[in-house]
Amino acid sequence: MHQAAQHTAADALSFIRQPELFGGLVGNERFVEKYVGFVELIYRGEGIRGLMEELI
């Protein structure tokens, strides 16, 4: 899991491609679109806390 998370900068889906944790979630186009958008924002320097507050 840690290794997959480390590859997220190069491959935004590496973390959720773990079927034992996320099942087939990587196949859900709507989820993947949102997830990749958030990953890109985080790697551009957006604060995770702020992003999470926007969601709730």
C-alpha atoms as a PDB file:
ATOM      1  CA  MET A   1       0.000   0.000   0.000  1.00  0.00           C
ATOM      2  CA  HIS A   2       2.780   2.425   0.928  1.00  0.00           C
ATOM      3  CA  GLN A   3       4.669   1.671  -2.283  1.00  0.00           C
ATOM      4  CA  ALA A   4       1.549   2.260  -4.376  1.00  0.00           C
ATOM      5  CA  ALA A   5       0.957   5.589  -2.621  1.00  0.00           C
ATOM      6  CA  GLN A   6       4.527   6.630  -3.406  1.00  0.00           C
ATOM      7  CA  HIS A   7       3.862   6.141  -7.129  1.00  0.00           C
ATOM      8  CA  THR A   8       0.791   8.364  -7.125  1.00  0.00           C
ATOM      9  CA  ALA A   9       2.716  11.398  -8.408  1.00  0.00           C
ATOM     10  CA  ALA A  10       3.595   9.514 -11.608  1.00  0.00           C
ATOM     11  CA  ASP A  11       0.395   7.430 -11.787  1.00  0.00           C
ATOM     12  CA  ALA A  12      -2.619   8.978 -10.096  1.00  0.00           C
ATOM     13  CA  LEU A  13      -4.445   5.641 -10.017  1.00  0.00           C
ATOM     14  CA  SER A  14      -1.659   3.500  -8.533  1.00  0.00           C
ATOM     15  CA  PHE A  15      -3.117   3.653  -5.016  1.00  0.00           C
ATOM     16  CA  ILE A  16      -6.673   2.666  -5.933  1.00  0.00           C
ATOM     17  CA  ARG A  17      -5.490  -0.109  -8.279  1.00  0.00           C
ATOM     18  CA  GLN A  18      -5.196  -2.399  -5.255  1.00  0.00           C
ATOM     19  CA  PRO A  19      -8.162  -4.746  -5.681  1.00  0.00           C
ATOM     20  CA  GLU A  20      -7.755  -6.264  -2.212  1.00  0.00           C
ATOM     21  CA  LEU A  21      -8.495  -2.813  -0.746  1.00  0.00           C
ATOM     22  CA  PHE A  22     -10.675  -1.073  -3.310  1.00  0.00           C
ATOM     23  CA  GLY A  23     -12.186  -3.904  -5.336  1.00  0.00           C
ATOM     24  CA  GLY A  24     -13.126  -2.658  -8.778  1.00  0.00           C
ATOM     25  CA  LEU A  25     -13.380   1.017  -7.829  1.00  0.00           C
ATOM     26  CA  VAL A  26     -10.702   1.900 -10.378  1.00  0.00           C
ATOM     27  CA  GLY A  27     -13.228   0.841 -13.025  1.00  0.00           C
ATOM     28  CA  ASN A  28     -15.774   3.430 -11.885  1.00  0.00           C
ATOM     29  CA  GLU A  29     -15.285   6.229 -14.401  1.00  0.00           C
ATOM     30  CA  ARG A  30     -17.135   8.872 -12.377  1.00  0.00           C
ATOM     31  CA  PHE A  31     -15.136   8.137  -9.222  1.00  0.00           C
ATOM     32  CA  VAL A  32     -11.815   8.008 -11.097  1.00  0.00           C
ATOM     33  CA  GLU A  33     -12.459  11.404 -12.678  1.00  0.00           C
ATOM     34  CA  LYS A  34     -13.051  13.032  -9.276  1.00  0.00           C
ATOM     35  CA  TYR A  35     -10.217  11.124  -7.605  1.00  0.00           C
ATOM     36  CA  VAL A  36      -7.650  12.108 -10.246  1.00  0.00           C
ATOM     37  CA  GLY A  37      -8.801  15.721  -9.991  1.00  0.00           C
ATOM     38  CA  PHE A  38      -8.163  15.744  -6.245  1.00  0.00           C
ATOM     39  CA  VAL A  39      -4.794  14.014  -6.618  1.00  0.00           C
ATOM     40  CA  GLU A  40      -3.722  16.652  -9.140  1.00  0.00           C
ATOM     41  CA  LEU A  41      -4.798  19.458  -6.819  1.00  0.00           C
ATOM     42  CA  ILE A  42      -2.869  17.944  -3.927  1.00  0.00           C
ATOM     43  CA  TYR A  43       0.301  17.604  -5.992  1.00  0.00           C
ATOM     44  CA  ARG A  44      -0.054  21.221  -7.121  1.00  0.00           C
ATOM     45  CA  GLY A  45       0.049  22.284  -3.489  1.00  0.00           C
ATOM     46  CA  GLU A  46      -3.602  22.571  -2.500  1.00  0.00           C
ATOM     47  CA  GLY A  47      -4.049  21.757   1.164  1.00  0.00           C
ATOM     48  CA  ILE A  48      -5.741  18.449   1.846  1.00  0.00           C
ATOM     49  CA  ARG A  49      -7.660  19.930   4.767  1.00  0.00           C
ATOM     50  CA  GLY A  50      -9.166  22.634   2.578  1.00  0.00           C
ATOM     51  CA  LEU A  51     -10.158  20.137  -0.073  1.00  0.00           C
ATOM     52  CA  MET A  52     -11.828  17.894   2.484  1.00  0.00           C
ATOM     53  CA  GLU A  53     -13.688  20.829   4.033  1.00  0.00           C
ATOM     54  CA  GLU A  54     -15.090  21.672   0.599  1.00  0.00           C
ATOM     55  CA  LEU A  55     -16.460  18.145   0.327  1.00  0.00           C
ATOM     56  CA  ILE A  56     -18.360  18.228   3.606  1.00  0.00           C
END
